[in-house]
Every structure is written in C-alpha cells, then in structure tokens.
C-alpha cells in the first residue's frame, strides 16, 4: 500500500492499469486508523488485481475537493481513470471485499 498526493494522483491513480482503491484518510480520524491493517492485508492479498493507496485529505486538498470528499474514511475505486464506486465509513475486510467484487 502506498501514499499518494495531489502531485502524483494523476500518475498513480488515474493512469494506473489496475483498478485502484483510494482511501481518503486523515491522521486525526480513528476509523481511518482502524482501516490501516485491513487495507494493508487487502493490498497484500489482492495486489495482482487491485492497487490500494491512501491520500491524506489535510495535506492534499486539491484532490479531496475535486472528488467532493467530506467524510473520512471515504473509499473510491478508480478504473480506467474514472471513479466507479464510492463507500464511506470503516468496514471489515470481508465486507470490503464483497463490495469490491463487482469492480474487480
């Protein structure tokens, strides 16, 4: 799992060959911290089908505002450079995988 910024969002997410799960996160957000181990496991287990990245909303307001992210954690799946799914709130890995099934 990697961190992305306003500066490299285009290259790392929009230009990615695989679908990309972006977690819009913040250091001060307890549910976001709770998702860390879940996302690391997901990145490890599904790395051949899905790229998993995090974007800190406080440090990257341009991308955060462009996608109208208001709550953390917000998860967006990008495929072919376009957002195809959005989910808000922490969730267990099993539920996250079920919600991602239609975009993988």
PDB file of N, CA and C in Angstrom:
ATOM      1  N   UNK A   1       0.853  -1.169   0.000  1.00  0.00           N
ATOM      2  CA  UNK A   1       0.000   0.000   0.000  1.00  0.00           C
ATOM      3  C   UNK A   1       0.896   1.226   0.000  1.00  0.00           C
ATOM      4  N   UNK A   2       0.494   2.241  -0.743  1.00  0.00           N
ATOM      5  CA  UNK A   2       1.317   3.438  -0.842  1.00  0.00           C
ATOM      6  C   UNK A   2       0.492   4.686  -0.576  1.00  0.00           C
ATOM      7  N   UNK A   3       1.189   5.746  -0.243  1.00  0.00           N
ATOM      8  CA  UNK A   3       0.559   7.049  -0.075  1.00  0.00           C
ATOM      9  C   UNK A   3       0.655   7.800  -1.396  1.00  0.00           C
ATOM     10  N   UNK A   4      -0.430   8.485  -1.763  1.00  0.00           N
ATOM     11  CA  UNK A   4      -0.420   9.341  -2.942  1.00  0.00           C
ATOM     12  C   UNK A   4      -0.707  10.766  -2.506  1.00  0.00           C
ATOM     13  N   UNK A   5      -0.366  11.710  -3.376  1.00  0.00           N
ATOM     14  CA  UNK A   5      -0.542  13.130  -3.095  1.00  0.00           C
ATOM     15  C   UNK A   5      -1.224  13.803  -4.276  1.00  0.00           C
ATOM     16  N   UNK A   6      -1.553  15.084  -4.088  1.00  0.00           N
ATOM     17  CA  UNK A   6      -2.088  15.860  -5.208  1.00  0.00           C
ATOM     18  C   UNK A   6      -1.134  15.791  -6.399  1.00  0.00           C
ATOM     19  N   UNK A   7       0.180  15.820  -6.124  1.00  0.00           N
ATOM     20  CA  UNK A   7       1.191  15.869  -7.177  1.00  0.00           C
ATOM     21  C   UNK A   7       1.263  14.583  -8.006  1.00  0.00           C
ATOM     22  N   UNK A   8       1.048  13.423  -7.374  1.00  0.00           N
ATOM     23  CA  UNK A   8       1.192  12.179  -8.137  1.00  0.00           C
ATOM     24  C   UNK A   8      -0.114  11.394  -8.314  1.00  0.00           C
ATOM     25  N   UNK A   9      -1.245  11.982  -7.936  1.00  0.00           N
ATOM     26  CA  UNK A   9      -2.532  11.298  -8.059  1.00  0.00           C
ATOM     27  C   UNK A   9      -2.814  10.903  -9.512  1.00  0.00           C
ATOM     28  N   UNK A  10      -2.551  11.813 -10.418  1.00  0.00           N
ATOM     29  CA  UNK A  10      -2.792  11.557 -11.846  1.00  0.00           C
ATOM     30  C   UNK A  10      -2.001  10.332 -12.316  1.00  0.00           C
ATOM     31  N   UNK A  11      -0.725  10.282 -11.999  1.00  0.00           N
ATOM     32  CA  UNK A  11       0.124   9.178 -12.453  1.00  0.00           C
ATOM     33  C   UNK A  11      -0.195   7.867 -11.742  1.00  0.00           C
ATOM     34  N   UNK A  12      -0.389   7.922 -10.427  1.00  0.00           N
ATOM     35  CA  UNK A  12      -0.547   6.700  -9.638  1.00  0.00           C
ATOM     36  C   UNK A  12      -1.961   6.127  -9.658  1.00  0.00           C
ATOM     37  N   UNK A  13      -2.969   6.979  -9.810  1.00  0.00           N
ATOM     38  CA  UNK A  13      -4.363   6.511  -9.749  1.00  0.00           C
ATOM     39  C   UNK A  13      -5.033   6.590 -11.116  1.00  0.00           C
ATOM     40  N   UNK A  14      -5.085   7.783 -11.683  1.00  0.00           N
ATOM     41  CA  UNK A  14      -5.776   7.960 -12.966  1.00  0.00           C
ATOM     42  C   UNK A  14      -5.111   7.146 -14.073  1.00  0.00           C
ATOM     43  N   UNK A  15      -3.787   7.100 -14.066  1.00  0.00           N
ATOM     44  CA  UNK A  15      -3.060   6.385 -15.113  1.00  0.00           C
ATOM     45  C   UNK A  15      -2.754   4.930 -14.819  1.00  0.00           C
ATOM     46  N   UNK A  16      -3.256   4.403 -13.731  1.00  0.00           N
ATOM     47  CA  UNK A  16      -2.950   3.019 -13.346  1.00  0.00           C
ATOM     48  C   UNK A  16      -3.628   2.009 -14.271  1.00  0.00           C
ATOM     49  N   UNK A  17      -2.940   0.910 -14.506  1.00  0.00           N
ATOM     50  CA  UNK A  17      -3.512  -0.158 -15.327  1.00  0.00           C
ATOM     51  C   UNK A  17      -4.538  -0.984 -14.557  1.00  0.00           C
ATOM     52  N   UNK A  18      -4.271  -1.225 -13.278  1.00  0.00           N
ATOM     53  CA  UNK A  18      -5.202  -1.981 -12.429  1.00  0.00           C
ATOM     54  C   UNK A  18      -6.261  -1.048 -11.860  1.00  0.00           C
ATOM     55  N   UNK A  19      -7.398  -1.592 -11.421  1.00  0.00           N
ATOM     56  CA  UNK A  19      -8.317  -0.779 -10.623  1.00  0.00           C
ATOM     57  C   UNK A  19      -7.577  -0.301  -9.368  1.00  0.00           C
ATOM     58  N   UNK A  20      -7.918   0.887  -8.878  1.00  0.00           N
ATOM     59  CA  UNK A  20      -7.246   1.456  -7.714  1.00  0.00           C
ATOM     60  C   UNK A  20      -8.283   1.772  -6.641  1.00  0.00           C
ATOM     61  N   UNK A  21      -8.045   1.265  -5.435  1.00  0.00           N
ATOM     62  CA  UNK A  21      -8.849   1.626  -4.277  1.00  0.00           C
ATOM     63  C   UNK A  21      -8.114   2.741  -3.551  1.00  0.00           C
ATOM     64  N   UNK A  22      -8.741   3.915  -3.473  1.00  0.00           N
ATOM     65  CA  UNK A  22      -8.154   5.062  -2.784  1.00  0.00           C
ATOM     66  C   UNK A  22      -8.890   5.251  -1.470  1.00  0.00           C
ATOM     67  N   UNK A  23      -8.132   5.275  -0.378  1.00  0.00           N
ATOM     68  CA  UNK A  23      -8.721   5.652   0.905  1.00  0.00           C
ATOM     69  C   UNK A  23      -8.375   7.111   1.145  1.00  0.00           C
ATOM     70  N   UNK A  24      -9.400   7.950   1.222  1.00  0.00           N
ATOM     71  CA  UNK A  24      -9.228   9.334   1.630  1.00  0.00           C
ATOM     72  C   UNK A  24      -9.240   9.314   3.152  1.00  0.00           C
ATOM     73  N   UNK A  25      -8.136   9.721   3.758  1.00  0.00           N
ATOM     74  CA  UNK A  25      -7.915   9.487   5.179  1.00  0.00           C
ATOM     75  C   UNK A  25      -7.352  10.727   5.856  1.00  0.00           C
ATOM     76  N   UNK A  26      -7.274  10.680   7.185  1.00  0.00           N
ATOM     77  CA  UNK A  26      -6.665  11.758   7.973  1.00  0.00           C
ATOM     78  C   UNK A  26      -6.066  11.149   9.235  1.00  0.00           C
ATOM     79  N   UNK A  27      -4.958  11.717   9.689  1.00  0.00           N
ATOM     80  CA  UNK A  27      -4.297  11.214  10.890  1.00  0.00           C
ATOM     81  C   UNK A  27      -5.194  11.285  12.122  1.00  0.00           C
ATOM     82  N   UNK A  28      -6.075  12.280  12.178  1.00  0.00           N
ATOM     83  CA  UNK A  28      -6.915  12.504  13.354  1.00  0.00           C
ATOM     84  C   UNK A  28      -8.182  11.636  13.356  1.00  0.00           C
ATOM     85  N   UNK A  29      -8.346  10.788  12.371  1.00  0.00           N
ATOM     86  CA  UNK A  29      -9.579  10.012  12.180  1.00  0.00           C
ATOM     87  C   UNK A  29      -9.414   8.592  12.731  1.00  0.00           C
ATOM     88  N   UNK A  30     -10.037   8.273  13.898  1.00  0.00           N
ATOM     89  CA  UNK A  30      -9.907   6.914  14.450  1.00  0.00           C
ATOM     90  C   UNK A  30     -10.377   5.804  13.508  1.00  0.00           C
ATOM     91  N   UNK A  31     -11.521   5.947  12.815  1.00  0.00           N
ATOM     92  CA  UNK A  31     -11.916   4.871  11.900  1.00  0.00           C
ATOM     93  C   UNK A  31     -10.908   4.675  10.759  1.00  0.00           C
ATOM     94  N   UNK A  32     -10.235   5.757  10.370  1.00  0.00           N
ATOM     95  CA  UNK A  32      -9.209   5.641   9.323  1.00  0.00           C
ATOM     96  C   UNK A  32      -8.038   4.806   9.826  1.00  0.00           C
ATOM     97  N   UNK A  33      -7.613   5.071  11.041  1.00  0.00           N
ATOM     98  CA  UNK A  33      -6.513   4.288  11.623  1.00  0.00           C
ATOM     99  C   UNK A  33      -6.914   2.825  11.751  1.00  0.00           C
ATOM    100  N   UNK A  34      -8.170   2.577  12.070  1.00  0.00           N
ATOM    101  CA  UNK A  34      -8.686   1.211  12.183  1.00  0.00           C
ATOM    102  C   UNK A  34      -8.584   0.481  10.838  1.00  0.00           C
ATOM    103  N   UNK A  35      -8.712   1.207   9.750  1.00  0.00           N
ATOM    104  CA  UNK A  35      -8.687   0.598   8.424  1.00  0.00           C
ATOM    105  C   UNK A  35      -7.272   0.257   7.947  1.00  0.00           C
ATOM    106  N   UNK A  36      -6.240   0.807   8.587  1.00  0.00           N
ATOM    107  CA  UNK A  36      -4.865   0.569   8.151  1.00  0.00           C
ATOM    108  C   UNK A  36      -4.518  -0.901   7.970  1.00  0.00           C
ATOM    109  N   UNK A  37      -4.695  -1.735   9.005  1.00  0.00           N
ATOM    110  CA  UNK A  37      -4.370  -3.161   8.854  1.00  0.00           C
ATOM    111  C   UNK A  37      -5.242  -3.865   7.807  1.00  0.00           C
ATOM    112  N   UNK A  38      -6.486  -3.464   7.698  1.00  0.00           N
ATOM    113  CA  UNK A  38      -7.392  -4.062   6.710  1.00  0.00           C
ATOM    114  C   UNK A  38      -6.892  -3.772   5.301  1.00  0.00           C
ATOM    115  N   UNK A  39      -6.509  -2.522   5.058  1.00  0.00           N
ATOM    116  CA  UNK A  39      -6.052  -2.142   3.725  1.00  0.00           C
ATOM    117  C   UNK A  39      -4.694  -2.757   3.393  1.00  0.00           C
ATOM    118  N   UNK A  40      -3.821  -2.855   4.383  1.00  0.00           N
ATOM    119  CA  UNK A  40      -2.523  -3.495   4.144  1.00  0.00           C
ATOM    120  C   UNK A  40      -2.720  -4.961   3.768  1.00  0.00           C
ATOM    121  N   UNK A  41      -3.618  -5.655   4.459  1.00  0.00           N
ATOM    122  CA  UNK A  41      -3.908  -7.053   4.137  1.00  0.00           C
ATOM    123  C   UNK A  41      -4.519  -7.165   2.743  1.00  0.00           C
ATOM    124  N   UNK A  42      -5.437  -6.271   2.426  1.00  0.00           N
ATOM    125  CA  UNK A  42      -6.080  -6.279   1.116  1.00  0.00           C
ATOM    126  C   UNK A  42      -5.048  -6.044   0.018  1.00  0.00           C
ATOM    127  N   UNK A  43      -4.153  -5.088   0.223  1.00  0.00           N
ATOM    128  CA  UNK A  43      -3.112  -4.798  -0.767  1.00  0.00           C
ATOM    129  C   UNK A  43      -2.214  -6.009  -0.972  1.00  0.00           C
ATOM    130  N   UNK A  44      -1.892  -6.703   0.109  1.00  0.00           N
ATOM    131  CA  UNK A  44      -1.030  -7.878   0.038  1.00  0.00           C
ATOM    132  C   UNK A  44      -1.724  -9.038  -0.676  1.00  0.00           C
ATOM    133  N   UNK A  45      -2.980  -9.266  -0.343  1.00  0.00           N
ATOM    134  CA  UNK A  45      -3.708 -10.414  -0.872  1.00  0.00           C
ATOM    135  C   UNK A  45      -4.242 -10.197  -2.289  1.00  0.00           C
ATOM    136  N   UNK A  46      -4.587  -8.967  -2.635  1.00  0.00           N
ATOM    137  CA  UNK A  46      -5.231  -8.685  -3.926  1.00  0.00           C
ATOM    138  C   UNK A  46      -4.357  -7.843  -4.848  1.00  0.00           C
ATOM    139  N   UNK A  47      -3.066  -7.750  -4.539  1.00  0.00           N
ATOM    140  CA  UNK A  47      -2.162  -6.879  -5.285  1.00  0.00           C
ATOM    141  C   UNK A  47      -2.069  -7.148  -6.770  1.00  0.00           C
ATOM    142  N   UNK A  48      -2.383  -8.362  -7.198  1.00  0.00           N
ATOM    143  CA  UNK A  48      -2.350  -8.663  -8.629  1.00  0.00           C
ATOM    144  C   UNK A  48      -3.607  -8.188  -9.351  1.00  0.00           C
ATOM    145  N   UNK A  49      -4.656  -7.861  -8.600  1.00  0.00           N
ATOM    146  CA  UNK A  49      -5.925  -7.408  -9.201  1.00  0.00           C
ATOM    147  C   UNK A  49      -6.305  -5.991  -8.824  1.00  0.00           C
ATOM    148  N   UNK A  50      -5.679  -5.447  -7.759  1.00  0.00           N
ATOM    149  CA  UNK A  50      -6.115  -4.174  -7.212  1.00  0.00           C
ATOM    150  C   UNK A  50      -4.936  -3.433  -6.606  1.00  0.00           C
ATOM    151  N   UNK A  51      -4.820  -2.166  -6.939  1.00  0.00           N
ATOM    152  CA  UNK A  51      -3.824  -1.293  -6.316  1.00  0.00           C
ATOM    153  C   UNK A  51      -4.529  -0.559  -5.177  1.00  0.00           C
ATOM    154  N   UNK A  52      -3.905  -0.511  -4.005  1.00  0.00           N
ATOM    155  CA  UNK A  52      -4.501   0.134  -2.835  1.00  0.00           C
ATOM    156  C   UNK A  52      -3.605   1.297  -2.417  1.00  0.00           C
ATOM    157  N   UNK A  53      -4.196   2.493  -2.318  1.00  0.00           N
ATOM    158  CA  UNK A  53      -3.434   3.687  -1.940  1.00  0.00           C
ATOM    159  C   UNK A  53      -4.213   4.497  -0.912  1.00  0.00           C
ATOM    160  N   UNK A  54      -3.482   5.366  -0.211  1.00  0.00           N
ATOM    161  CA  UNK A  54      -4.095   6.288   0.743  1.00  0.00           C
ATOM    162  C   UNK A  54      -3.752   7.705   0.335  1.00  0.00           C
ATOM    163  N   UNK A  55      -4.696   8.626   0.557  1.00  0.00           N
ATOM    164  CA  UNK A  55      -4.472  10.044   0.317  1.00  0.00           C
ATOM    165  C   UNK A  55      -4.894  10.802   1.563  1.00  0.00           C
ATOM    166  N   UNK A  56      -3.967  11.530   2.159  1.00  0.00           N
ATOM    167  CA  UNK A  56      -4.264  12.332   3.348  1.00  0.00           C
ATOM    168  C   UNK A  56      -5.031  13.581   2.917  1.00  0.00           C
ATOM    169  N   UNK A  57      -6.253  13.737   3.423  1.00  0.00           N
ATOM    170  CA  UNK A  57      -7.111  14.841   2.983  1.00  0.00           C
ATOM    171  C   UNK A  57      -6.592  16.201   3.430  1.00  0.00           C
ATOM    172  N   UNK A  58      -5.935  16.264   4.583  1.00  0.00           N
ATOM    173  CA  UNK A  58      -5.435  17.543   5.087  1.00  0.00           C
ATOM    174  C   UNK A  58      -4.252  18.053   4.272  1.00  0.00           C
ATOM    175  N   UNK A  59      -3.411  17.156   3.801  1.00  0.00           N
ATOM    176  CA  UNK A  59      -2.225  17.535   3.033  1.00  0.00           C
ATOM    177  C   UNK A  59      -2.492  17.658   1.539  1.00  0.00           C
ATOM    178  N   UNK A  60      -3.649  17.179   1.089  1.00  0.00           N
ATOM    179  CA  UNK A  60      -3.940  17.122  -0.349  1.00  0.00           C
ATOM    180  C   UNK A  60      -5.342  17.644  -0.659  1.00  0.00           C
ATOM    181  N   UNK A  61      -5.575  18.934  -0.413  1.00  0.00           N
ATOM    182  CA  UNK A  61      -6.922  19.483  -0.585  1.00  0.00           C
ATOM    183  C   UNK A  61      -7.401  19.527  -2.034  1.00  0.00           C
ATOM    184  N   UNK A  62      -6.495  19.608  -2.980  1.00  0.00           N
ATOM    185  CA  UNK A  62      -6.896  19.701  -4.386  1.00  0.00           C
ATOM    186  C   UNK A  62      -7.666  18.453  -4.827  1.00  0.00           C
ATOM    187  N   UNK A  63      -7.092  17.290  -4.579  1.00  0.00           N
ATOM    188  CA  UNK A  63      -7.743  16.029  -4.960  1.00  0.00           C
ATOM    189  C   UNK A  63      -8.981  15.780  -4.105  1.00  0.00           C
ATOM    190  N   UNK A  64      -8.872  16.066  -2.815  1.00  0.00           N
ATOM    191  CA  UNK A  64     -10.006  15.890  -1.906  1.00  0.00           C
ATOM    192  C   UNK A  64     -11.205  16.698  -2.376  1.00  0.00           C
ATOM    193  N   UNK A  65     -10.974  17.953  -2.727  1.00  0.00           N
ATOM    194  CA  UNK A  65     -12.063  18.818  -3.195  1.00  0.00           C
ATOM    195  C   UNK A  65     -12.573  18.409  -4.569  1.00  0.00           C
ATOM    196  N   UNK A  66     -11.676  17.974  -5.433  1.00  0.00           N
ATOM    197  CA  UNK A  66     -12.078  17.576  -6.782  1.00  0.00           C
ATOM    198  C   UNK A  66     -13.088  16.426  -6.759  1.00  0.00           C
ATOM    199  N   UNK A  67     -12.940  15.529  -5.780  1.00  0.00           N
ATOM    200  CA  UNK A  67     -13.848  14.386  -5.688  1.00  0.00           C
ATOM    201  C   UNK A  67     -14.900  14.552  -4.593  1.00  0.00           C
ATOM    202  N   UNK A  68     -15.006  15.785  -4.081  1.00  0.00           N
ATOM    203  CA  UNK A  68     -16.061  16.163  -3.127  1.00  0.00           C
ATOM    204  C   UNK A  68     -16.106  15.244  -1.906  1.00  0.00           C
ATOM    205  N   UNK A  69     -14.933  14.928  -1.374  1.00  0.00           N
ATOM    206  CA  UNK A  69     -14.840  14.072  -0.196  1.00  0.00           C
ATOM    207  C   UNK A  69     -15.100  14.914   1.042  1.00  0.00           C
ATOM    208  N   UNK A  70     -16.097  14.518   1.826  1.00  0.00           N
ATOM    209  CA  UNK A  70     -16.481  15.260   3.021  1.00  0.00           C
ATOM    210  C   UNK A  70     -16.330  14.449   4.304  1.00  0.00           C
ATOM    211  N   UNK A  71     -16.334  13.142   4.208  1.00  0.00           N
ATOM    212  CA  UNK A  71     -16.259  12.269   5.389  1.00  0.00           C
ATOM    213  C   UNK A  71     -15.080  11.325   5.245  1.00  0.00           C
ATOM    214  N   UNK A  72     -14.508  10.979   6.396  1.00  0.00           N
ATOM    215  CA  UNK A  72     -13.403  10.039   6.395  1.00  0.00           C
ATOM    216  C   UNK A  72     -13.740   8.847   7.285  1.00  0.00           C
ATOM    217  N   UNK A  73     -13.321   7.661   6.888  1.00  0.00           N
ATOM    218  CA  UNK A  73     -12.676   7.385   5.611  1.00  0.00           C
ATOM    219  C   UNK A  73     -13.700   7.295   4.479  1.00  0.00           C
ATOM    220  N   UNK A  74     -13.301   7.810   3.327  1.00  0.00           N
ATOM    221  CA  UNK A  74     -14.047   7.601   2.096  1.00  0.00           C
ATOM    222  C   UNK A  74     -13.177   6.739   1.205  1.00  0.00           C
ATOM    223  N   UNK A  75     -13.781   5.730   0.613  1.00  0.00           N
ATOM    224  CA  UNK A  75     -13.078   4.852  -0.314  1.00  0.00           C
ATOM    225  C   UNK A  75     -13.652   5.079  -1.696  1.00  0.00           C
ATOM    226  N   UNK A  76     -12.785   5.255  -2.683  1.00  0.00           N
ATOM    227  CA  UNK A  76     -13.211   5.354  -4.078  1.00  0.00           C
ATOM    228  C   UNK A  76     -12.408   4.365  -4.890  1.00  0.00           C
ATOM    229  N   UNK A  77     -13.102   3.696  -5.784  1.00  0.00           N
ATOM    230  CA  UNK A  77     -12.443   2.789  -6.716  1.00  0.00           C
ATOM    231  C   UNK A  77     -12.394   3.482  -8.068  1.00  0.00           C
ATOM    232  N   UNK A  78     -11.190   3.550  -8.617  1.00  0.00           N
ATOM    233  CA  UNK A  78     -10.967   4.130  -9.942  1.00  0.00           C
ATOM    234  C   UNK A  78     -10.599   3.007 -10.893  1.00  0.00           C
ATOM    235  N   UNK A  79     -11.241   3.015 -12.054  1.00  0.00           N
ATOM    236  CA  UNK A  79     -10.927   2.044 -13.104  1.00  0.00           C
ATOM    237  C   UNK A  79     -10.905   2.796 -14.421  1.00  0.00           C
ATOM    238  N   UNK A  80      -9.836   2.634 -15.167  1.00  0.00           N
ATOM    239  CA  UNK A  80      -9.715   3.363 -16.427  1.00  0.00           C
ATOM    240  C   UNK A  80      -9.697   4.867 -16.225  1.00  0.00           C
ATOM    241  N   UNK A  81      -9.192   5.310 -15.082  1.00  0.00           N
ATOM    242  CA  UNK A  81      -9.085   6.744 -14.810  1.00  0.00           C
ATOM    243  C   UNK A  81     -10.336   7.402 -14.284  1.00  0.00           C
ATOM    244  N   UNK A  82     -11.398   6.639 -14.108  1.00  0.00           N
ATOM    245  CA  UNK A  82     -12.673   7.198 -13.657  1.00  0.00           C
ATOM    246  C   UNK A  82     -13.105   6.574 -12.331  1.00  0.00           C
ATOM    247  N   UNK A  83     -13.718   7.366 -11.445  1.00  0.00           N
ATOM    248  CA  UNK A  83     -14.274   6.773 -10.225  1.00  0.00           C
ATOM    249  C   UNK A  83     -15.508   5.936 -10.579  1.00  0.00           C
ATOM    250  N   UNK A  84     -15.521   4.685 -10.140  1.00  0.00           N
ATOM    251  CA  UNK A  84     -16.635   3.791 -10.473  1.00  0.00           C
ATOM    252  C   UNK A  84     -17.416   3.344  -9.245  1.00  0.00           C
ATOM    253  N   UNK A  85     -16.883   3.631  -8.056  1.00  0.00           N
ATOM    254  CA  UNK A  85     -17.580   3.236  -6.821  1.00  0.00           C
ATOM    255  C   UNK A  85     -17.054   4.082  -5.683  1.00  0.00           C
ATOM    256  N   UNK A  86     -17.956   4.450  -4.766  1.00  0.00           N
ATOM    257  CA  UNK A  86     -17.564   5.186  -3.565  1.00  0.00           C
ATOM    258  C   UNK A  86     -18.266   4.576  -2.360  1.00  0.00           C
ATOM    259  N   UNK A  87     -17.540   4.520  -1.250  1.00  0.00           N
ATOM    260  CA  UNK A  87     -18.062   3.971   0.004  1.00  0.00           C
ATOM    261  C   UNK A  87     -17.546   4.859   1.128  1.00  0.00           C
ATOM    262  N   UNK A  88     -18.375   5.078   2.138  1.00  0.00           N
ATOM    263  CA  UNK A  88     -17.971   5.915   3.268  1.00  0.00           C
ATOM    264  C   UNK A  88     -18.060   5.104   4.555  1.00  0.00           C
ATOM    265  N   UNK A  89     -17.014   5.211   5.377  1.00  0.00           N
ATOM    266  CA  UNK A  89     -17.018   4.569   6.687  1.00  0.00           C
ATOM    267  C   UNK A  89     -16.162   3.321   6.745  1.00  0.00           C
ATOM    268  N   UNK A  90     -15.699   3.028   7.954  1.00  0.00           N
ATOM    269  CA  UNK A  90     -14.875   1.838   8.191  1.00  0.00           C
ATOM    270  C   UNK A  90     -15.708   0.582   7.986  1.00  0.00           C
ATOM    271  N   UNK A  91     -15.032  -0.478   7.595  1.00  0.00           N
ATOM    272  CA  UNK A  91     -15.705  -1.762   7.386  1.00  0.00           C
ATOM    273  C   UNK A  91     -14.692  -2.888   7.536  1.00  0.00           C
ATOM    274  N   UNK A  92     -15.186  -4.055   7.802  1.00  0.00           N
ATOM    275  CA  UNK A  92     -14.338  -5.235   7.912  1.00  0.00           C
ATOM    276  C   UNK A  92     -13.835  -5.636   6.526  1.00  0.00           C
ATOM    277  N   UNK A  93     -12.716  -6.346   6.490  1.00  0.00           N
ATOM    278  CA  UNK A  93     -12.134  -6.759   5.207  1.00  0.00           C
ATOM    279  C   UNK A  93     -13.117  -7.592   4.395  1.00  0.00           C
ATOM    280  N   UNK A  94     -13.813  -8.487   5.051  1.00  0.00           N
ATOM    281  CA  UNK A  94     -14.772  -9.345   4.340  1.00  0.00           C
ATOM    282  C   UNK A  94     -15.846  -8.505   3.634  1.00  0.00           C
ATOM    283  N   UNK A  95     -16.386  -7.533   4.337  1.00  0.00           N
ATOM    284  CA  UNK A  95     -17.412  -6.674   3.734  1.00  0.00           C
ATOM    285  C   UNK A  95     -16.823  -5.846   2.604  1.00  0.00           C
ATOM    286  N   UNK A  96     -15.619  -5.329   2.808  1.00  0.00           N
ATOM    287  CA  UNK A  96     -14.971  -4.530   1.770  1.00  0.00           C
ATOM    288  C   UNK A  96     -14.758  -5.365   0.512  1.00  0.00           C
ATOM    289  N   UNK A  97     -14.306  -6.595   0.678  1.00  0.00           N
ATOM    290  CA  UNK A  97     -14.125  -7.473  -0.475  1.00  0.00           C
ATOM    291  C   UNK A  97     -15.443  -7.750  -1.192  1.00  0.00           C
ATOM    292  N   UNK A  98     -16.525  -7.925  -0.439  1.00  0.00           N
ATOM    293  CA  UNK A  98     -17.833  -8.148  -1.056  1.00  0.00           C
ATOM    294  C   UNK A  98     -18.241  -6.915  -1.863  1.00  0.00           C
ATOM    295  N   UNK A  99     -18.000  -5.739  -1.318  1.00  0.00           N
ATOM    296  CA  UNK A  99     -18.376  -4.510  -2.021  1.00  0.00           C
ATOM    297  C   UNK A  99     -17.506  -4.247  -3.240  1.00  0.00           C
ATOM    298  N   UNK A 100     -16.296  -4.788  -3.252  1.00  0.00           N
ATOM    299  CA  UNK A 100     -15.391  -4.591  -4.374  1.00  0.00           C
ATOM    300  C   UNK A 100     -15.568  -5.637  -5.472  1.00  0.00           C
ATOM    301  N   UNK A 101     -16.300  -6.702  -5.182  1.00  0.00           N
ATOM    302  CA  UNK A 101     -16.423  -7.818  -6.116  1.00  0.00           C
ATOM    303  C   UNK A 101     -16.891  -7.386  -7.504  1.00  0.00           C
ATOM    304  N   UNK A 102     -17.793  -6.441  -7.588  1.00  0.00           N
ATOM    305  CA  UNK A 102     -18.330  -6.044  -8.892  1.00  0.00           C
ATOM    306  C   UNK A 102     -17.404  -5.123  -9.683  1.00  0.00           C
ATOM    307  N   UNK A 103     -16.332  -4.634  -9.076  1.00  0.00           N
ATOM    308  CA  UNK A 103     -15.421  -3.755  -9.807  1.00  0.00           C
ATOM    309  C   UNK A 103     -14.056  -4.401 -10.058  1.00  0.00           C
ATOM    310  N   UNK A 104     -13.850  -5.587  -9.517  1.00  0.00           N
ATOM    311  CA  UNK A 104     -12.572  -6.278  -9.750  1.00  0.00           C
ATOM    312  C   UNK A 104     -12.648  -7.182 -10.958  1.00  0.00           C
TER     313      UNK A 104
END
